[in-house]
PDB file of N, CA and C in Angstrom:
ATOM      1  N   MET A   1      -7.459 -10.350  30.746  1.00  0.00           N
ATOM      2  CA  MET A   1      -6.556 -10.974  30.217  1.00  0.00           C
ATOM      3  C   MET A   1      -7.770 -12.059  29.864  1.00  0.00           C
ATOM      4  N   SER A   2      -7.160 -12.390  28.611  1.00  0.00           N
ATOM      5  CA  SER A   2      -7.846 -13.278  27.517  1.00  0.00           C
ATOM      6  C   SER A   2      -7.849 -14.729  28.458  1.00  0.00           C
ATOM      7  N   SER A   3      -8.565 -15.663  27.922  1.00  0.00           N
ATOM      8  CA  SER A   3      -8.185 -16.536  28.002  1.00  0.00           C
ATOM      9  C   SER A   3      -7.674 -17.534  28.104  1.00  0.00           C
ATOM     10  N   PHE A   4      -6.903 -17.358  27.205  1.00  0.00           N
ATOM     11  CA  PHE A   4      -4.970 -18.007  27.179  1.00  0.00           C
ATOM     12  C   PHE A   4      -4.490 -17.888  27.498  1.00  0.00           C
ATOM     13  N   GLY A   5      -4.222 -16.702  28.475  1.00  0.00           N
ATOM     14  CA  GLY A   5      -2.936 -15.757  29.301  1.00  0.00           C
ATOM     15  C   GLY A   5      -2.070 -14.745  28.996  1.00  0.00           C
ATOM     16  N   ILE A   6      -2.756 -14.838  27.768  1.00  0.00           N
ATOM     17  CA  ILE A   6      -1.968 -13.571  27.074  1.00  0.00           C
ATOM     18  C   ILE A   6      -2.805 -12.285  27.416  1.00  0.00           C
ATOM     19  N   LYS A   7      -2.021 -11.307  27.563  1.00  0.00           N
ATOM     20  CA  LYS A   7      -2.551  -9.448  28.155  1.00  0.00           C
ATOM     21  C   LYS A   7      -2.869  -8.896  26.771  1.00  0.00           C
ATOM     22  N   LEU A   8      -3.988  -8.924  25.948  1.00  0.00           N
ATOM     23  CA  LEU A   8      -4.635  -8.038  25.065  1.00  0.00           C
ATOM     24  C   LEU A   8      -5.051  -6.830  24.626  1.00  0.00           C
ATOM     25  N   ILE A   9      -3.679  -5.544  24.274  1.00  0.00           N
ATOM     26  CA  ILE A   9      -3.791  -4.134  24.265  1.00  0.00           C
ATOM     27  C   ILE A   9      -4.322  -3.400  22.958  1.00  0.00           C
ATOM     28  N   TYR A  10      -5.412  -2.607  22.866  1.00  0.00           N
ATOM     29  CA  TYR A  10      -5.767  -2.171  22.083  1.00  0.00           C
ATOM     30  C   TYR A  10      -5.887  -1.190  22.217  1.00  0.00           C
ATOM     31  N   PRO A  11      -4.918  -0.773  21.068  1.00  0.00           N
ATOM     32  CA  PRO A  11      -4.633   1.382  20.747  1.00  0.00           C
ATOM     33  C   PRO A  11      -5.784   1.577  20.851  1.00  0.00           C
ATOM     34  N   GLN A  12      -6.669   2.751  21.335  1.00  0.00           N
ATOM     35  CA  GLN A  12      -7.437   3.934  21.198  1.00  0.00           C
ATOM     36  C   GLN A  12      -7.505   3.715  20.192  1.00  0.00           C
ATOM     37  N   SER A  13      -6.445   4.999  19.139  1.00  0.00           N
ATOM     38  CA  SER A  13      -6.725   4.643  17.733  1.00  0.00           C
ATOM     39  C   SER A  13      -5.611   4.050  16.851  1.00  0.00           C
ATOM     40  N   PRO A  14      -6.276   3.046  16.629  1.00  0.00           N
ATOM     41  CA  PRO A  14      -5.023   2.242  15.867  1.00  0.00           C
ATOM     42  C   PRO A  14      -4.818   2.835  14.478  1.00  0.00           C
ATOM     43  N   PRO A  15      -3.857   3.110  14.062  1.00  0.00           N
ATOM     44  CA  PRO A  15      -3.100   3.429  12.876  1.00  0.00           C
ATOM     45  C   PRO A  15      -3.495   3.109  11.576  1.00  0.00           C
ATOM     46  N   PRO A  16      -4.025   4.452  11.024  1.00  0.00           N
ATOM     47  CA  PRO A  16      -4.879   4.412  10.144  1.00  0.00           C
ATOM     48  C   PRO A  16      -4.289   4.077   8.606  1.00  0.00           C
ATOM     49  N   PHE A  17      -4.488   1.824   7.948  1.00  0.00           N
ATOM     50  CA  PHE A  17      -3.020   1.588   7.535  1.00  0.00           C
ATOM     51  C   PHE A  17      -4.767   0.510   7.237  1.00  0.00           C
ATOM     52  N   CYS A  18      -4.485   0.455   5.528  1.00  0.00           N
ATOM     53  CA  CYS A  18      -5.806  -0.291   4.954  1.00  0.00           C
ATOM     54  C   CYS A  18      -4.896  -1.905   4.733  1.00  0.00           C
ATOM     55  N   SER A  19      -3.411  -1.894   4.136  1.00  0.00           N
ATOM     56  CA  SER A  19      -2.711  -3.412   3.349  1.00  0.00           C
ATOM     57  C   SER A  19      -1.373  -2.322   3.921  1.00  0.00           C
ATOM     58  N   PHE A  20      -0.396  -3.323   2.110  1.00  0.00           N
ATOM     59  CA  PHE A  20       0.370  -3.288   2.598  1.00  0.00           C
ATOM     60  C   PHE A  20       1.358  -4.333   2.084  1.00  0.00           C
ATOM     61  N   PHE A  21       2.818  -4.354   1.014  1.00  0.00           N
ATOM     62  CA  PHE A  21       3.715  -4.429   0.056  1.00  0.00           C
ATOM     63  C   PHE A  21       4.678  -3.536   0.611  1.00  0.00           C
ATOM     64  N   THR A  22       5.505  -4.890  -0.374  1.00  0.00           N
ATOM     65  CA  THR A  22       7.182  -5.185  -0.243  1.00  0.00           C
ATOM     66  C   THR A  22       7.691  -4.948  -1.699  1.00  0.00           C
ATOM     67  N   ASP A  23       9.307  -3.903  -1.772  1.00  0.00           N
ATOM     68  CA  ASP A  23       9.981  -3.971  -3.325  1.00  0.00           C
ATOM     69  C   ASP A  23      11.331  -5.243  -2.971  1.00  0.00           C
ATOM     70  N   ASP A  24      11.499  -5.475  -3.916  1.00  0.00           N
ATOM     71  CA  ASP A  24      12.432  -5.216  -4.159  1.00  0.00           C
ATOM     72  C   ASP A  24      14.001  -5.435  -3.602  1.00  0.00           C
ATOM     73  N   SER A  25      13.837  -3.997  -2.487  1.00  0.00           N
ATOM     74  CA  SER A  25      15.271  -4.504  -2.343  1.00  0.00           C
ATOM     75  C   SER A  25      14.495  -3.843  -1.157  1.00  0.00           C
ATOM     76  N   GLY A  26      13.815  -4.466  -0.411  1.00  0.00           N
ATOM     77  CA  GLY A  26      13.024  -4.019   1.155  1.00  0.00           C
ATOM     78  C   GLY A  26      12.218  -2.548   1.480  1.00  0.00           C
ATOM     79  N   TYR A  27      12.191  -1.848   1.088  1.00  0.00           N
ATOM     80  CA  TYR A  27      11.474  -1.096   0.985  1.00  0.00           C
ATOM     81  C   TYR A  27       9.910  -1.296   1.173  1.00  0.00           C
ATOM     82  N   LEU A  28       8.606  -1.176   2.567  1.00  0.00           N
ATOM     83  CA  LEU A  28       8.081  -1.634   2.418  1.00  0.00           C
ATOM     84  C   LEU A  28       7.009  -0.236   1.733  1.00  0.00           C
ATOM     85  N   PHE A  29       5.884  -0.386   1.069  1.00  0.00           N
ATOM     86  CA  PHE A  29       4.414   0.495   0.459  1.00  0.00           C
ATOM     87  C   PHE A  29       3.303   0.338   1.134  1.00  0.00           C
ATOM     88  N   VAL A  30       3.496   1.171   2.349  1.00  0.00           N
ATOM     89  CA  VAL A  30       1.840   1.166   3.034  1.00  0.00           C
ATOM     90  C   VAL A  30       0.637   2.116   3.149  1.00  0.00           C
ATOM     91  N   LEU A  31      -0.177   1.160   2.473  1.00  0.00           N
ATOM     92  CA  LEU A  31      -1.583   2.226   2.038  1.00  0.00           C
ATOM     93  C   LEU A  31      -1.869   2.199   3.073  1.00  0.00           C
ATOM     94  N   THR A  32      -3.281   3.773   3.007  1.00  0.00           N
ATOM     95  CA  THR A  32      -3.493   4.124   4.395  1.00  0.00           C
ATOM     96  C   THR A  32      -4.884   4.924   3.900  1.00  0.00           C
ATOM     97  N   TYR A  33      -6.114   4.414   4.798  1.00  0.00           N
ATOM     98  CA  TYR A  33      -7.057   5.574   4.110  1.00  0.00           C
ATOM     99  C   TYR A  33      -7.138   6.428   3.913  1.00  0.00           C
ATOM    100  N   GLU A  34      -6.102   7.554   3.672  1.00  0.00           N
ATOM    101  CA  GLU A  34      -6.151   9.063   3.334  1.00  0.00           C
ATOM    102  C   GLU A  34      -6.431   9.188   1.665  1.00  0.00           C
ATOM    103  N   LYS A  35      -6.754   9.844   1.075  1.00  0.00           N
ATOM    104  CA  LYS A  35      -7.605   9.900  -0.469  1.00  0.00           C
ATOM    105  C   LYS A  35      -6.404  10.992  -0.771  1.00  0.00           C
ATOM    106  N   GLY A  36      -6.232  10.184  -2.054  1.00  0.00           N
ATOM    107  CA  GLY A  36      -4.839  10.396  -3.033  1.00  0.00           C
ATOM    108  C   GLY A  36      -5.923  12.078  -3.467  1.00  0.00           C
ATOM    109  N   LYS A  37      -4.592  12.748  -4.959  1.00  0.00           N
ATOM    110  CA  LYS A  37      -5.456  13.913  -5.567  1.00  0.00           C
ATOM    111  C   LYS A  37      -6.684  13.643  -6.220  1.00  0.00           C
ATOM    112  N   ALA A  38      -5.999  12.524  -7.473  1.00  0.00           N
ATOM    113  CA  ALA A  38      -7.292  11.830  -8.262  1.00  0.00           C
ATOM    114  C   ALA A  38      -8.399  11.076  -8.136  1.00  0.00           C
ATOM    115  N   GLN A  39      -8.920  10.765  -8.208  1.00  0.00           N
ATOM    116  CA  GLN A  39     -10.299   9.938  -8.065  1.00  0.00           C
ATOM    117  C   GLN A  39      -9.560   8.163  -8.062  1.00  0.00           C
ATOM    118  N   ASN A  40     -10.443   8.308  -7.167  1.00  0.00           N
ATOM    119  CA  ASN A  40      -9.228   5.880  -6.221  1.00  0.00           C
ATOM    120  C   ASN A  40      -8.171   6.745  -6.490  1.00  0.00           C
ATOM    121  N   GLU A  41      -7.514   7.374  -6.243  1.00  0.00           N
ATOM    122  CA  GLU A  41      -5.970   7.009  -5.574  1.00  0.00           C
ATOM    123  C   GLU A  41      -5.621   7.736  -3.591  1.00  0.00           C
ATOM    124  N   TYR A  42      -4.827   6.486  -3.500  1.00  0.00           N
ATOM    125  CA  TYR A  42      -4.980   6.768  -1.981  1.00  0.00           C
ATOM    126  C   TYR A  42      -3.012   7.583  -2.019  1.00  0.00           C
ATOM    127  N   ILE A  43      -3.191   7.900  -0.838  1.00  0.00           N
ATOM    128  CA  ILE A  43      -1.774   7.258  -0.363  1.00  0.00           C
ATOM    129  C   ILE A  43      -1.895   6.606   0.559  1.00  0.00           C
ATOM    130  N   TYR A  44       0.177   6.494  -0.731  1.00  0.00           N
ATOM    131  CA  TYR A  44       1.052   5.308   0.021  1.00  0.00           C
ATOM    132  C   TYR A  44       1.881   5.318   0.990  1.00  0.00           C
ATOM    133  N   GLU A  45       2.167   5.832   2.191  1.00  0.00           N
ATOM    134  CA  GLU A  45       3.672   5.898   2.587  1.00  0.00           C
ATOM    135  C   GLU A  45       4.679   4.391   1.677  1.00  0.00           C
ATOM    136  N   ILE A  46       5.986   5.040   2.081  1.00  0.00           N
ATOM    137  CA  ILE A  46       7.151   4.371   1.910  1.00  0.00           C
ATOM    138  C   ILE A  46       8.093   4.178   3.246  1.00  0.00           C
ATOM    139  N   LEU A  47       8.790   3.721   2.843  1.00  0.00           N
ATOM    140  CA  LEU A  47       9.052   3.274   4.443  1.00  0.00           C
ATOM    141  C   LEU A  47      10.808   2.516   3.927  1.00  0.00           C
ATOM    142  N   SER A  48      11.699   3.054   4.377  1.00  0.00           N
ATOM    143  CA  SER A  48      12.562   2.358   4.608  1.00  0.00           C
ATOM    144  C   SER A  48      13.404   0.689   4.979  1.00  0.00           C
ATOM    145  N   PRO A  49      13.775  -0.015   4.735  1.00  0.00           N
ATOM    146  CA  PRO A  49      14.515  -1.127   5.100  1.00  0.00           C
ATOM    147  C   PRO A  49      14.706  -1.070   6.957  1.00  0.00           C
ATOM    148  N   GLU A  50      15.118  -0.393   6.843  1.00  0.00           N
ATOM    149  CA  GLU A  50      15.419   0.345   8.299  1.00  0.00           C
ATOM    150  C   GLU A  50      14.283   0.809   9.123  1.00  0.00           C
ATOM    151  N   GLY A  51      13.319   1.332   8.458  1.00  0.00           N
ATOM    152  CA  GLY A  51      12.140   1.829   9.357  1.00  0.00           C
ATOM    153  C   GLY A  51      11.471   3.322   8.930  1.00  0.00           C
ATOM    154  N   ASN A  52      12.962   3.688   8.196  1.00  0.00           N
ATOM    155  CA  ASN A  52      11.990   4.959   7.955  1.00  0.00           C
ATOM    156  C   ASN A  52      11.596   5.303   7.889  1.00  0.00           C
ATOM    157  N   PHE A  53      10.812   6.386   7.453  1.00  0.00           N
ATOM    158  CA  PHE A  53       9.991   7.153   6.557  1.00  0.00           C
ATOM    159  C   PHE A  53       9.988   7.752   5.370  1.00  0.00           C
ATOM    160  N   VAL A  54      10.564   7.178   4.496  1.00  0.00           N
ATOM    161  CA  VAL A  54      10.998   7.895   2.945  1.00  0.00           C
ATOM    162  C   VAL A  54      10.813   8.730   2.087  1.00  0.00           C
ATOM    163  N   ASN A  55       8.782   8.568   2.117  1.00  0.00           N
ATOM    164  CA  ASN A  55       7.723   9.763   1.022  1.00  0.00           C
ATOM    165  C   ASN A  55       7.055   9.018   1.200  1.00  0.00           C
ATOM    166  N   LYS A  56       5.917  10.114   0.574  1.00  0.00           N
ATOM    167  CA  LYS A  56       4.298   9.626   0.112  1.00  0.00           C
ATOM    168  C   LYS A  56       4.088  10.029  -1.072  1.00  0.00           C
ATOM    169  N   VAL A  57       3.414   8.969  -1.841  1.00  0.00           N
ATOM    170  CA  VAL A  57       2.956   8.882  -3.024  1.00  0.00           C
ATOM    171  C   VAL A  57       1.386   8.505  -2.753  1.00  0.00           C
ATOM    172  N   ASN A  58       1.235   8.759  -3.860  1.00  0.00           N
ATOM    173  CA  ASN A  58      -0.348   9.386  -4.726  1.00  0.00           C
ATOM    174  C   ASN A  58      -0.367   7.672  -5.167  1.00  0.00           C
ATOM    175  N   LEU A  59      -1.158   6.693  -5.438  1.00  0.00           N
ATOM    176  CA  LEU A  59      -1.278   5.783  -6.255  1.00  0.00           C
ATOM    177  C   LEU A  59      -2.456   5.688  -5.692  1.00  0.00           C
ATOM    178  N   ASP A  60      -3.093   4.503  -7.774  1.00  0.00           N
ATOM    179  CA  ASP A  60      -4.422   3.899  -7.821  1.00  0.00           C
ATOM    180  C   ASP A  60      -4.485   3.438  -6.291  1.00  0.00           C
ATOM    181  N   ALA A  61      -5.633   2.562  -6.222  1.00  0.00           N
ATOM    182  CA  ALA A  61      -5.996   1.759  -5.983  1.00  0.00           C
ATOM    183  C   ALA A  61      -5.052   0.231  -5.732  1.00  0.00           C
ATOM    184  N   LEU A  62      -3.965  -0.459  -5.671  1.00  0.00           N
ATOM    185  CA  LEU A  62      -3.656  -1.682  -6.403  1.00  0.00           C
ATOM    186  C   LEU A  62      -4.079  -3.116  -5.218  1.00  0.00           C
ATOM    187  N   PHE A  63      -5.016  -2.625  -4.735  1.00  0.00           N
ATOM    188  CA  PHE A  63      -5.680  -4.221  -3.890  1.00  0.00           C
ATOM    189  C   PHE A  63      -7.026  -4.439  -4.968  1.00  0.00           C
ATOM    190  N   SER A  64      -7.632  -5.808  -5.118  1.00  0.00           N
ATOM    191  CA  SER A  64      -8.663  -5.573  -5.364  1.00  0.00           C
ATOM    192  C   SER A  64      -9.043  -7.511  -5.101  1.00  0.00           C
ATOM    193  N   ASN A  65      -9.679  -7.688  -4.491  1.00  0.00           N
ATOM    194  CA  ASN A  65     -10.543  -8.719  -4.000  1.00  0.00           C
ATOM    195  C   ASN A  65      -9.649  -9.585  -2.687  1.00  0.00           C
ATOM    196  N   GLY A  66      -8.721  -8.532  -2.247  1.00  0.00           N
ATOM    197  CA  GLY A  66      -7.570  -9.236  -1.312  1.00  0.00           C
ATOM    198  C   GLY A  66      -6.182  -9.389  -1.738  1.00  0.00           C
ATOM    199  N   HIS A  67      -6.087  -8.972  -3.575  1.00  0.00           N
ATOM    200  CA  HIS A  67      -5.341  -9.915  -3.946  1.00  0.00           C
ATOM    201  C   HIS A  67      -4.308  -8.369  -4.491  1.00  0.00           C
ATOM    202  N   ILE A  68      -2.877  -8.286  -4.306  1.00  0.00           N
ATOM    203  CA  ILE A  68      -2.084  -7.320  -4.619  1.00  0.00           C
ATOM    204  C   ILE A  68      -2.142  -7.498  -6.583  1.00  0.00           C
ATOM    205  N   LEU A  69      -2.379  -6.418  -6.736  1.00  0.00           N
ATOM    206  CA  LEU A  69      -2.321  -6.351  -8.715  1.00  0.00           C
ATOM    207  C   LEU A  69      -1.058  -5.110  -8.687  1.00  0.00           C
ATOM    208  N   ALA A  70      -0.137  -4.724  -7.732  1.00  0.00           N
ATOM    209  CA  ALA A  70       1.147  -4.179  -8.318  1.00  0.00           C
ATOM    210  C   ALA A  70       2.285  -5.038  -7.605  1.00  0.00           C
ATOM    211  N   LYS A  71       3.728  -4.312  -8.570  1.00  0.00           N
ATOM    212  CA  LYS A  71       4.725  -4.881  -8.089  1.00  0.00           C
ATOM    213  C   LYS A  71       6.132  -3.861  -7.948  1.00  0.00           C
ATOM    214  N   VAL A  72       7.024  -3.358  -7.160  1.00  0.00           N
ATOM    215  CA  VAL A  72       7.737  -2.812  -7.126  1.00  0.00           C
ATOM    216  C   VAL A  72       9.683  -3.270  -7.379  1.00  0.00           C
ATOM    217  N   LYS A  73       9.761  -2.879  -8.680  1.00  0.00           N
ATOM    218  CA  LYS A  73      11.227  -3.364  -8.917  1.00  0.00           C
ATOM    219  C   LYS A  73      12.428  -2.228  -9.667  1.00  0.00           C
ATOM    220  N   ASN A  74      13.268  -1.746  -9.328  1.00  0.00           N
ATOM    221  CA  ASN A  74      14.386  -1.224  -9.882  1.00  0.00           C
ATOM    222  C   ASN A  74      14.106   0.476  -9.038  1.00  0.00           C
ATOM    223  N   GLY A  75      12.885   0.817  -8.232  1.00  0.00           N
ATOM    224  CA  GLY A  75      12.438   2.329  -8.583  1.00  0.00           C
ATOM    225  C   GLY A  75      10.945   2.102  -8.949  1.00  0.00           C
ATOM    226  N   HIS A  76      10.844   1.016 -10.175  1.00  0.00           N
ATOM    227  CA  HIS A  76       9.641   1.334 -10.459  1.00  0.00           C
ATOM    228  C   HIS A  76       8.353   0.965 -10.402  1.00  0.00           C
ATOM    229  N   LEU A  77       6.666   1.404 -10.267  1.00  0.00           N
ATOM    230  CA  LEU A  77       6.545   0.072 -10.023  1.00  0.00           C
ATOM    231  C   LEU A  77       5.387  -0.674 -10.851  1.00  0.00           C
ATOM    232  N   TYR A  78       4.890  -1.264 -10.870  1.00  0.00           N
ATOM    233  CA  TYR A  78       4.091  -2.237 -12.314  1.00  0.00           C
ATOM    234  C   TYR A  78       2.652  -2.457 -11.853  1.00  0.00           C
ATOM    235  N   TRP A  79       1.905  -1.847 -12.317  1.00  0.00           N
ATOM    236  CA  TRP A  79       0.175  -2.820 -11.618  1.00  0.00           C
ATOM    237  C   TRP A  79      -0.278  -2.737 -12.768  1.00  0.00           C
ATOM    238  N   ILE A  80      -1.795  -3.573 -12.398  1.00  0.00           N
ATOM    239  CA  ILE A  80      -2.894  -2.988 -13.513  1.00  0.00           C
ATOM    240  C   ILE A  80      -3.642  -2.224 -13.292  1.00  0.00           C
ATOM    241  N   ARG A  81      -4.470  -1.627 -13.584  1.00  0.00           N
ATOM    242  CA  ARG A  81      -5.566  -0.809 -13.568  1.00  0.00           C
ATOM    243  C   ARG A  81      -6.770  -1.210 -14.056  1.00  0.00           C
ATOM    244  N   GLU A  82      -7.686  -1.111 -13.300  1.00  0.00           N
ATOM    245  CA  GLU A  82      -9.192  -1.889 -13.859  1.00  0.00           C
ATOM    246  C   GLU A  82     -10.150  -0.635 -14.647  1.00  0.00           C
ATOM    247  N   LYS A  83     -10.428  -0.434 -15.595  1.00  0.00           N
ATOM    248  CA  LYS A  83     -11.031   0.630 -16.586  1.00  0.00           C
ATOM    249  C   LYS A  83     -12.928   0.005 -15.515  1.00  0.00           C
ATOM    250  N   GLU A  84     -13.530   1.103 -15.965  1.00  0.00           N
ATOM    251  CA  GLU A  84     -14.691   0.973 -15.643  1.00  0.00           C
ATOM    252  C   GLU A  84     -15.407   0.317 -16.349  1.00  0.00           C
ATOM    253  N   THR A  85     -14.971   0.080 -18.242  1.00  0.00           N
ATOM    254  CA  THR A  85     -15.756  -1.358 -18.721  1.00  0.00           C
ATOM    255  C   THR A  85     -14.861  -2.984 -18.229  1.00  0.00           C
ATOM    256  N   GLY A  86     -14.385  -2.890 -17.196  1.00  0.00           N
ATOM    257  CA  GLY A  86     -13.699  -4.012 -16.712  1.00  0.00           C
ATOM    258  C   GLY A  86     -12.802  -5.227 -17.532  1.00  0.00           C
ATOM    259  N   GLU A  87     -12.065  -4.220 -18.468  1.00  0.00           N
ATOM    260  CA  GLU A  87     -10.435  -4.130 -19.376  1.00  0.00           C
ATOM    261  C   GLU A  87      -9.531  -3.736 -18.278  1.00  0.00           C
ATOM    262  N   ARG A  88      -9.086  -4.633 -18.494  1.00  0.00           N
ATOM    263  CA  ARG A  88      -7.163  -4.019 -17.414  1.00  0.00           C
ATOM    264  C   ARG A  88      -6.430  -3.926 -18.436  1.00  0.00           C
ATOM    265  N   GLU A  89      -5.617  -2.444 -18.153  1.00  0.00           N
ATOM    266  CA  GLU A  89      -5.315  -2.289 -18.092  1.00  0.00           C
ATOM    267  C   GLU A  89      -2.738  -2.146 -17.716  1.00  0.00           C
ATOM    268  N   TRP A  90      -2.302  -2.963 -18.349  1.00  0.00           N
ATOM    269  CA  TRP A  90      -0.975  -2.919 -17.317  1.00  0.00           C
ATOM    270  C   TRP A  90       0.187  -0.931 -17.616  1.00  0.00           C
ATOM    271  N   LEU A  91       0.428  -1.139 -16.741  1.00  0.00           N
ATOM    272  CA  LEU A  91       0.937  -0.043 -16.618  1.00  0.00           C
ATOM    273  C   LEU A  91       1.937   0.401 -15.638  1.00  0.00           C
ATOM    274  N   VAL A  92       3.334   1.337 -16.122  1.00  0.00           N
ATOM    275  CA  VAL A  92       4.586   1.771 -15.134  1.00  0.00           C
ATOM    276  C   VAL A  92       4.855   2.937 -14.770  1.00  0.00           C
ATOM    277  N   SER A  93       5.461   2.761 -13.337  1.00  0.00           N
ATOM    278  CA  SER A  93       5.252   4.505 -13.063  1.00  0.00           C
ATOM    279  C   SER A  93       6.416   4.446 -12.139  1.00  0.00           C
ATOM    280  N   LYS A  94       7.622   5.497 -12.121  1.00  0.00           N
ATOM    281  CA  LYS A  94       8.578   5.637 -11.737  1.00  0.00           C
ATOM    282  C   LYS A  94       7.976   5.914  -9.671  1.00  0.00           C
ATOM    283  N   ILE A  95       8.767   5.594  -9.403  1.00  0.00           N
ATOM    284  CA  ILE A  95       8.241   5.618  -8.113  1.00  0.00           C
ATOM    285  C   ILE A  95       9.407   6.020  -7.036  1.00  0.00           C
ATOM    286  N   PHE A  96      10.907   5.959  -7.163  1.00  0.00           N
ATOM    287  CA  PHE A  96      11.881   6.552  -6.300  1.00  0.00           C
ATOM    288  C   PHE A  96      12.937   7.651  -7.775  1.00  0.00           C
TER     289      PHE A  96
END
């Protein structure tokens, strides 16, 4: 029991996710800690608006300094990737 009278329960193994964002249709993209196929890629799990698992996709890390550098609209992912030179490029990928 906390000092505020609220019982806090912490799971033994919390779900391994880093961050998330949604698309224009209510799909949830959850960034996991699982490495993707290429360097700097991670597995994102896609959940439907009803909470059902839809798919897993390999995507580059879409977060920088706490900011989301991506948006999903009409089944396409629009995102910014920073090159090793510091230059940023705008990319579009089909998700569904």
